[in-house]
Amino acid sequence: LDIDKMSFKEECPSCGTDLHVCIYCRLYDE
């Protein structure tokens, strides 16, 4: 991904997956 700052509605251009989600965040902790 060639993204510097991720927007709230950012999606992967290839598969369409939402990218700005909790499970993909460094702060996510079960």
PDB file of all heavy atoms in Angstrom:
ATOM      1  N   LEU A   1       0.843  -1.190   0.000  1.00  0.00           N
ATOM      2  CA  LEU A   1       0.000   0.000   0.000  1.00  0.00           C
ATOM      3  C   LEU A   1       0.880   1.242   0.000  1.00  0.00           C
ATOM      4  O   LEU A   1       1.789   1.358   0.806  1.00  0.00           O
ATOM      5  CB  LEU A   1      -0.891   0.023   1.244  1.00  0.00           C
ATOM      6  CG  LEU A   1      -1.812  -1.170   1.446  1.00  0.00           C
ATOM      7  CD1 LEU A   1      -2.443  -1.118   2.821  1.00  0.00           C
ATOM      8  CD2 LEU A   1      -2.876  -1.195   0.360  1.00  0.00           C
ATOM      9  N   ASP A   2       0.601   2.162  -0.900  1.00  0.00           N
ATOM     10  CA  ASP A   2       1.336   3.420  -0.970  1.00  0.00           C
ATOM     11  C   ASP A   2       0.472   4.500  -0.307  1.00  0.00           C
ATOM     12  O   ASP A   2      -0.114   5.342  -0.973  1.00  0.00           O
ATOM     13  CB  ASP A   2       1.641   3.771  -2.417  1.00  0.00           C
ATOM     14  CG  ASP A   2       2.566   4.962  -2.527  1.00  0.00           C
ATOM     15  OD1 ASP A   2       3.297   5.241  -1.554  1.00  0.00           O
ATOM     16  OD2 ASP A   2       2.549   5.613  -3.588  1.00  0.00           O
ATOM     17  N   ILE A   3       0.377   4.429   1.037  1.00  0.00           N
ATOM     18  CA  ILE A   3      -0.468   5.338   1.803  1.00  0.00           C
ATOM     19  C   ILE A   3       0.378   5.976   2.897  1.00  0.00           C
ATOM     20  O   ILE A   3       0.971   5.279   3.710  1.00  0.00           O
ATOM     21  CB  ILE A   3      -1.648   4.570   2.456  1.00  0.00           C
ATOM     22  CG1 ILE A   3      -2.498   3.887   1.393  1.00  0.00           C
ATOM     23  CG2 ILE A   3      -2.486   5.516   3.293  1.00  0.00           C
ATOM     24  CD1 ILE A   3      -3.531   2.941   1.961  1.00  0.00           C
ATOM     25  N   ASP A   4       0.434   7.297   2.913  1.00  0.00           N
ATOM     26  CA  ASP A   4       1.163   7.997   3.964  1.00  0.00           C
ATOM     27  C   ASP A   4       0.292   8.177   5.201  1.00  0.00           C
ATOM     28  O   ASP A   4       0.654   7.782   6.289  1.00  0.00           O
ATOM     29  CB  ASP A   4       1.655   9.359   3.473  1.00  0.00           C
ATOM     30  CG  ASP A   4       2.738   9.235   2.411  1.00  0.00           C
ATOM     31  OD1 ASP A   4       3.515   8.264   2.482  1.00  0.00           O
ATOM     32  OD2 ASP A   4       2.788  10.089   1.520  1.00  0.00           O
ATOM     33  N   LYS A   5      -0.859   8.795   5.028  1.00  0.00           N
ATOM     34  CA  LYS A   5      -1.796   9.007   6.129  1.00  0.00           C
ATOM     35  C   LYS A   5      -3.098   8.311   5.769  1.00  0.00           C
ATOM     36  O   LYS A   5      -3.711   8.614   4.755  1.00  0.00           O
ATOM     37  CB  LYS A   5      -2.035  10.494   6.361  1.00  0.00           C
ATOM     38  CG  LYS A   5      -2.982  10.760   7.502  1.00  0.00           C
ATOM     39  CD  LYS A   5      -2.828  12.167   8.012  1.00  0.00           C
ATOM     40  CE  LYS A   5      -3.893  12.549   9.004  1.00  0.00           C
ATOM     41  NZ  LYS A   5      -3.913  11.793  10.213  1.00  0.00           N
ATOM     42  N   MET A   6      -3.510   7.382   6.611  1.00  0.00           N
ATOM     43  CA  MET A   6      -4.685   6.587   6.322  1.00  0.00           C
ATOM     44  C   MET A   6      -5.960   7.326   6.733  1.00  0.00           C
ATOM     45  O   MET A   6      -6.090   7.761   7.859  1.00  0.00           O
ATOM     46  CB  MET A   6      -4.594   5.247   7.064  1.00  0.00           C
ATOM     47  CG  MET A   6      -5.571   4.240   6.551  1.00  0.00           C
ATOM     48  SD  MET A   6      -5.299   2.612   7.244  1.00  0.00           S
ATOM     49  CE  MET A   6      -3.685   2.215   6.656  1.00  0.00           C
ATOM     50  N   SER A   7      -6.891   7.448   5.797  1.00  0.00           N
ATOM     51  CA  SER A   7      -8.165   8.091   6.098  1.00  0.00           C
ATOM     52  C   SER A   7      -9.092   7.100   6.803  1.00  0.00           C
ATOM     53  O   SER A   7      -8.839   5.898   6.831  1.00  0.00           O
ATOM     54  CB  SER A   7      -8.823   8.601   4.814  1.00  0.00           C
ATOM     55  OG  SER A   7      -9.313   7.517   4.051  1.00  0.00           O
ATOM     56  N   PHE A   8     -10.176   7.622   7.353  1.00  0.00           N
ATOM     57  CA  PHE A   8     -11.125   6.785   8.087  1.00  0.00           C
ATOM     58  C   PHE A   8     -11.798   5.742   7.199  1.00  0.00           C
ATOM     59  O   PHE A   8     -12.161   4.674   7.665  1.00  0.00           O
ATOM     60  CB  PHE A   8     -12.211   7.640   8.746  1.00  0.00           C
ATOM     61  CG  PHE A   8     -11.689   8.567   9.795  1.00  0.00           C
ATOM     62  CD1 PHE A   8     -11.891   9.928   9.700  1.00  0.00           C
ATOM     63  CD2 PHE A   8     -10.990   8.088  10.886  1.00  0.00           C
ATOM     64  CE1 PHE A   8     -11.414  10.789  10.670  1.00  0.00           C
ATOM     65  CE2 PHE A   8     -10.506   8.934  11.865  1.00  0.00           C
ATOM     66  CZ  PHE A   8     -10.718  10.290  11.761  1.00  0.00           C
ATOM     67  N   LYS A   9     -11.964   6.039   5.943  1.00  0.00           N
ATOM     68  CA  LYS A   9     -12.666   5.139   5.020  1.00  0.00           C
ATOM     69  C   LYS A   9     -11.715   4.448   4.047  1.00  0.00           C
ATOM     70  O   LYS A   9     -12.136   3.974   2.999  1.00  0.00           O
ATOM     71  CB  LYS A   9     -13.733   5.909   4.237  1.00  0.00           C
ATOM     72  CG  LYS A   9     -14.863   6.405   5.091  1.00  0.00           C
ATOM     73  CD  LYS A   9     -15.711   5.245   5.551  1.00  0.00           C
ATOM     74  CE  LYS A   9     -16.919   5.722   6.316  1.00  0.00           C
ATOM     75  NZ  LYS A   9     -17.736   4.630   6.776  1.00  0.00           N
ATOM     76  N   GLU A  10     -10.437   4.361   4.404  1.00  0.00           N
ATOM     77  CA  GLU A  10      -9.433   3.767   3.512  1.00  0.00           C
ATOM     78  C   GLU A  10      -9.731   2.284   3.276  1.00  0.00           C
ATOM     79  O   GLU A  10     -10.047   1.547   4.198  1.00  0.00           O
ATOM     80  CB  GLU A  10      -8.051   3.917   4.132  1.00  0.00           C
ATOM     81  CG  GLU A  10      -6.929   3.748   3.154  1.00  0.00           C
ATOM     82  CD  GLU A  10      -6.792   4.959   2.249  1.00  0.00           C
ATOM     83  OE1 GLU A  10      -6.724   6.075   2.756  1.00  0.00           O
ATOM     84  OE2 GLU A  10      -6.745   4.754   1.030  1.00  0.00           O
ATOM     85  N   GLU A  11      -9.623   1.876   2.020  1.00  0.00           N
ATOM     86  CA  GLU A  11      -9.808   0.472   1.629  1.00  0.00           C
ATOM     87  C   GLU A  11      -8.606   0.008   0.821  1.00  0.00           C
ATOM     88  O   GLU A  11      -7.942   0.804   0.165  1.00  0.00           O
ATOM     89  CB  GLU A  11     -11.061   0.313   0.762  1.00  0.00           C
ATOM     90  CG  GLU A  11     -12.357   0.547   1.476  1.00  0.00           C
ATOM     91  CD  GLU A  11     -13.556   0.311   0.575  1.00  0.00           C
ATOM     92  OE1 GLU A  11     -13.384   0.130  -0.654  1.00  0.00           O
ATOM     93  OE2 GLU A  11     -14.677   0.319   1.098  1.00  0.00           O
ATOM     94  N   CYS A  12      -8.363  -1.296   0.858  1.00  0.00           N
ATOM     95  CA  CYS A  12      -7.308  -1.873   0.029  1.00  0.00           C
ATOM     96  C   CYS A  12      -7.746  -1.784  -1.432  1.00  0.00           C
ATOM     97  O   CYS A  12      -8.858  -2.195  -1.771  1.00  0.00           O
ATOM     98  CB  CYS A  12      -7.082  -3.335   0.421  1.00  0.00           C
ATOM     99  SG  CYS A  12      -5.927  -4.202  -0.664  1.00  0.00           S
ATOM    100  N   PRO A  13      -6.898  -1.250  -2.315  1.00  0.00           N
ATOM    101  CA  PRO A  13      -7.275  -1.143  -3.724  1.00  0.00           C
ATOM    102  C   PRO A  13      -7.395  -2.506  -4.407  1.00  0.00           C
ATOM    103  O   PRO A  13      -8.053  -2.637  -5.421  1.00  0.00           O
ATOM    104  CB  PRO A  13      -6.158  -0.315  -4.342  1.00  0.00           C
ATOM    105  CG  PRO A  13      -5.010  -0.449  -3.409  1.00  0.00           C
ATOM    106  CD  PRO A  13      -5.575  -0.698  -2.047  1.00  0.00           C
ATOM    107  N   SER A  14      -6.796  -3.528  -3.830  1.00  0.00           N
ATOM    108  CA  SER A  14      -6.811  -4.851  -4.440  1.00  0.00           C
ATOM    109  C   SER A  14      -8.023  -5.689  -4.005  1.00  0.00           C
ATOM    110  O   SER A  14      -8.742  -6.225  -4.828  1.00  0.00           O
ATOM    111  CB  SER A  14      -5.527  -5.585  -4.088  1.00  0.00           C
ATOM    112  OG  SER A  14      -5.527  -6.873  -4.646  1.00  0.00           O
ATOM    113  N   CYS A  15      -8.259  -5.783  -2.682  1.00  0.00           N
ATOM    114  CA  CYS A  15      -9.321  -6.675  -2.194  1.00  0.00           C
ATOM    115  C   CYS A  15     -10.517  -5.942  -1.579  1.00  0.00           C
ATOM    116  O   CYS A  15     -11.521  -6.565  -1.264  1.00  0.00           O
ATOM    117  CB  CYS A  15      -8.759  -7.688  -1.194  1.00  0.00           C
ATOM    118  SG  CYS A  15      -8.229  -6.980   0.374  1.00  0.00           S
ATOM    119  N   GLY A  16     -10.411  -4.617  -1.391  1.00  0.00           N
ATOM    120  CA  GLY A  16     -11.524  -3.840  -0.871  1.00  0.00           C
ATOM    121  C   GLY A  16     -11.717  -3.911   0.637  1.00  0.00           C
ATOM    122  O   GLY A  16     -12.701  -3.397   1.157  1.00  0.00           O
ATOM    123  N   THR A  17     -10.782  -4.512   1.356  1.00  0.00           N
ATOM    124  CA  THR A  17     -10.876  -4.620   2.812  1.00  0.00           C
ATOM    125  C   THR A  17     -10.734  -3.250   3.466  1.00  0.00           C
ATOM    126  O   THR A  17      -9.882  -2.466   3.077  1.00  0.00           O
ATOM    127  CB  THR A  17      -9.759  -5.549   3.339  1.00  0.00           C
ATOM    128  OG1 THR A  17      -9.943  -6.840   2.810  1.00  0.00           O
ATOM    129  CG2 THR A  17      -9.747  -5.613   4.848  1.00  0.00           C
ATOM    130  N   ASP A  18     -11.587  -2.969   4.467  1.00  0.00           N
ATOM    131  CA  ASP A  18     -11.427  -1.751   5.258  1.00  0.00           C
ATOM    132  C   ASP A  18     -10.085  -1.822   5.965  1.00  0.00           C
ATOM    133  O   ASP A  18      -9.728  -2.855   6.533  1.00  0.00           O
ATOM    134  CB  ASP A  18     -12.536  -1.631   6.311  1.00  0.00           C
ATOM    135  CG  ASP A  18     -13.897  -1.353   5.708  1.00  0.00           C
ATOM    136  OD1 ASP A  18     -13.956  -0.764   4.615  1.00  0.00           O
ATOM    137  OD2 ASP A  18     -14.904  -1.717   6.337  1.00  0.00           O
ATOM    138  N   LEU A  19      -9.327  -0.732   5.963  1.00  0.00           N
ATOM    139  CA  LEU A  19      -8.005  -0.723   6.581  1.00  0.00           C
ATOM    140  C   LEU A  19      -7.968   0.025   7.910  1.00  0.00           C
ATOM    141  O   LEU A  19      -7.129  -0.255   8.750  1.00  0.00           O
ATOM    142  CB  LEU A  19      -6.980  -0.109   5.621  1.00  0.00           C
ATOM    143  CG  LEU A  19      -6.778  -0.868   4.310  1.00  0.00           C
ATOM    144  CD1 LEU A  19      -5.859  -0.089   3.389  1.00  0.00           C
ATOM    145  CD2 LEU A  19      -6.229  -2.260   4.578  1.00  0.00           C
ATOM    146  N   HIS A  20      -8.864   0.971   8.111  1.00  0.00           N
ATOM    147  CA  HIS A  20      -8.897   1.764   9.347  1.00  0.00           C
ATOM    148  C   HIS A  20      -9.839   1.063  10.329  1.00  0.00           C
ATOM    149  O   HIS A  20     -10.936   1.534  10.627  1.00  0.00           O
ATOM    150  CB  HIS A  20      -9.372   3.189   9.035  1.00  0.00           C
ATOM    151  CG  HIS A  20      -9.142   4.146  10.152  1.00  0.00           C
ATOM    152  ND1 HIS A  20      -9.942   4.204  11.261  1.00  0.00           N
ATOM    153  CD2 HIS A  20      -8.190   5.087  10.325  1.00  0.00           C
ATOM    154  CE1 HIS A  20      -9.508   5.147  12.062  1.00  0.00           C
ATOM    155  NE2 HIS A  20      -8.433   5.707  11.512  1.00  0.00           N
ATOM    156  N   VAL A  21      -9.424  -0.103  10.831  1.00  0.00           N
ATOM    157  CA  VAL A  21     -10.236  -0.906  11.741  1.00  0.00           C
ATOM    158  C   VAL A  21      -9.408  -1.289  12.965  1.00  0.00           C
ATOM    159  O   VAL A  21      -8.182  -1.351  12.901  1.00  0.00           O
ATOM    160  CB  VAL A  21     -10.779  -2.188  11.056  1.00  0.00           C
ATOM    161  CG1 VAL A  21     -11.647  -1.847   9.875  1.00  0.00           C
ATOM    162  CG2 VAL A  21      -9.677  -3.111  10.633  1.00  0.00           C
ATOM    163  N   CYS A  22     -10.079  -1.541  14.067  1.00  0.00           N
ATOM    164  CA  CYS A  22      -9.391  -1.826  15.334  1.00  0.00           C
ATOM    165  C   CYS A  22      -8.421  -3.003  15.238  1.00  0.00           C
ATOM    166  O   CYS A  22      -7.308  -2.927  15.742  1.00  0.00           O
ATOM    167  CB  CYS A  22     -10.413  -2.118  16.434  1.00  0.00           C
ATOM    168  SG  CYS A  22     -11.400  -0.689  16.904  1.00  0.00           S
ATOM    169  N   ILE A  23      -8.844  -4.088  14.603  1.00  0.00           N
ATOM    170  CA  ILE A  23      -7.997  -5.279  14.602  1.00  0.00           C
ATOM    171  C   ILE A  23      -6.706  -5.097  13.811  1.00  0.00           C
ATOM    172  O   ILE A  23      -5.791  -5.902  13.931  1.00  0.00           O
ATOM    173  CB  ILE A  23      -8.754  -6.544  14.122  1.00  0.00           C
ATOM    174  CG1 ILE A  23      -9.274  -6.359  12.705  1.00  0.00           C
ATOM    175  CG2 ILE A  23      -9.857  -6.894  15.094  1.00  0.00           C
ATOM    176  CD1 ILE A  23      -9.900  -7.617  12.114  1.00  0.00           C
ATOM    177  N   TYR A  24      -6.602  -4.025  13.017  1.00  0.00           N
ATOM    178  CA  TYR A  24      -5.378  -3.739  12.282  1.00  0.00           C
ATOM    179  C   TYR A  24      -4.576  -2.606  12.920  1.00  0.00           C
ATOM    180  O   TYR A  24      -3.646  -2.083  12.329  1.00  0.00           O
ATOM    181  CB  TYR A  24      -5.678  -3.378  10.829  1.00  0.00           C
ATOM    182  CG  TYR A  24      -6.373  -4.464  10.054  1.00  0.00           C
ATOM    183  CD1 TYR A  24      -7.239  -4.157   9.014  1.00  0.00           C
ATOM    184  CD2 TYR A  24      -6.180  -5.805  10.336  1.00  0.00           C
ATOM    185  CE1 TYR A  24      -7.881  -5.144   8.282  1.00  0.00           C
ATOM    186  CE2 TYR A  24      -6.827  -6.794   9.627  1.00  0.00           C
ATOM    187  CZ  TYR A  24      -7.673  -6.454   8.596  1.00  0.00           C
ATOM    188  OH  TYR A  24      -8.306  -7.436   7.885  1.00  0.00           O
ATOM    189  N   CYS A  25      -4.936  -2.222  14.140  1.00  0.00           N
ATOM    190  CA  CYS A  25      -4.291  -1.110  14.833  1.00  0.00           C
ATOM    191  C   CYS A  25      -3.232  -1.618  15.814  1.00  0.00           C
ATOM    192  O   CYS A  25      -3.411  -2.667  16.447  1.00  0.00           O
ATOM    193  CB  CYS A  25      -5.351  -0.312  15.591  1.00  0.00           C
ATOM    194  SG  CYS A  25      -4.704   1.079  16.535  1.00  0.00           S
ATOM    195  N   ARG A  26      -2.161  -0.869  15.980  1.00  0.00           N
ATOM    196  CA  ARG A  26      -1.102  -1.222  16.938  1.00  0.00           C
ATOM    197  C   ARG A  26      -1.599  -1.191  18.377  1.00  0.00           C
ATOM    198  O   ARG A  26      -1.032  -1.840  19.243  1.00  0.00           O
ATOM    199  CB  ARG A  26       0.068  -0.262  16.804  1.00  0.00           C
ATOM    200  CG  ARG A  26       0.864  -0.448  15.571  1.00  0.00           C
ATOM    201  CD  ARG A  26       2.027   0.494  15.541  1.00  0.00           C
ATOM    202  NE  ARG A  26       2.704   0.340  14.261  1.00  0.00           N
ATOM    203  CZ  ARG A  26       3.658   1.109  13.840  1.00  0.00           C
ATOM    204  NH1 ARG A  26       4.085   2.107  14.594  1.00  0.00           N
ATOM    205  NH2 ARG A  26       4.218   0.911  12.674  1.00  0.00           N
ATOM    206  N   LEU A  27      -2.634  -0.435  18.642  1.00  0.00           N
ATOM    207  CA  LEU A  27      -3.154  -0.305  20.009  1.00  0.00           C
ATOM    208  C   LEU A  27      -4.169  -1.387  20.363  1.00  0.00           C
ATOM    209  O   LEU A  27      -4.579  -1.495  21.513  1.00  0.00           O
ATOM    210  CB  LEU A  27      -3.797   1.078  20.189  1.00  0.00           C
ATOM    211  CG  LEU A  27      -2.859   2.262  19.986  1.00  0.00           C
ATOM    212  CD1 LEU A  27      -3.632   3.564  20.021  1.00  0.00           C
ATOM    213  CD2 LEU A  27      -1.757   2.249  21.028  1.00  0.00           C
ATOM    214  N   TYR A  28      -4.578  -2.210  19.406  1.00  0.00           N
ATOM    215  CA  TYR A  28      -5.555  -3.263  19.654  1.00  0.00           C
ATOM    216  C   TYR A  28      -4.955  -4.305  20.596  1.00  0.00           C
ATOM    217  O   TYR A  28      -3.851  -4.787  20.381  1.00  0.00           O
ATOM    218  CB  TYR A  28      -5.964  -3.928  18.341  1.00  0.00           C
ATOM    219  CG  TYR A  28      -7.012  -5.005  18.495  1.00  0.00           C
ATOM    220  CD1 TYR A  28      -8.322  -4.676  18.764  1.00  0.00           C
ATOM    221  CD2 TYR A  28      -6.675  -6.342  18.373  1.00  0.00           C
ATOM    222  CE1 TYR A  28      -9.292  -5.653  18.900  1.00  0.00           C
ATOM    223  CE2 TYR A  28      -7.635  -7.321  18.510  1.00  0.00           C
ATOM    224  CZ  TYR A  28      -8.939  -6.978  18.774  1.00  0.00           C
ATOM    225  OH  TYR A  28      -9.891  -7.950  18.907  1.00  0.00           O
ATOM    226  N   ASP A  29      -5.685  -4.620  21.661  1.00  0.00           N
ATOM    227  CA  ASP A  29      -5.196  -5.566  22.666  1.00  0.00           C
ATOM    228  C   ASP A  29      -6.383  -6.270  23.304  1.00  0.00           C
ATOM    229  O   ASP A  29      -7.192  -5.636  23.985  1.00  0.00           O
ATOM    230  CB  ASP A  29      -4.395  -4.818  23.726  1.00  0.00           C
ATOM    231  CG  ASP A  29      -3.701  -5.723  24.725  1.00  0.00           C
ATOM    232  OD1 ASP A  29      -4.067  -6.911  24.830  1.00  0.00           O
ATOM    233  OD2 ASP A  29      -2.781  -5.237  25.409  1.00  0.00           O
ATOM    234  N   GLU A  30      -6.499  -7.559  23.078  1.00  0.00           N
ATOM    235  CA  GLU A  30      -7.621  -8.357  23.606  1.00  0.00           C
ATOM    236  C   GLU A  30      -7.729  -8.276  25.130  1.00  0.00           C
ATOM    237  O   GLU A  30      -8.800  -8.422  25.677  1.00  0.00           O
ATOM    238  CB  GLU A  30      -7.474  -9.827  23.194  1.00  0.00           C
ATOM    239  CG  GLU A  30      -7.733 -10.098  21.742  1.00  0.00           C
ATOM    240  CD  GLU A  30      -9.204 -10.150  21.398  1.00  0.00           C
ATOM    241  OE1 GLU A  30     -10.035 -10.386  22.284  1.00  0.00           O
ATOM    242  OE2 GLU A  30      -9.505  -9.942  20.216  1.00  0.00           O
TER     243      GLU A  30
END
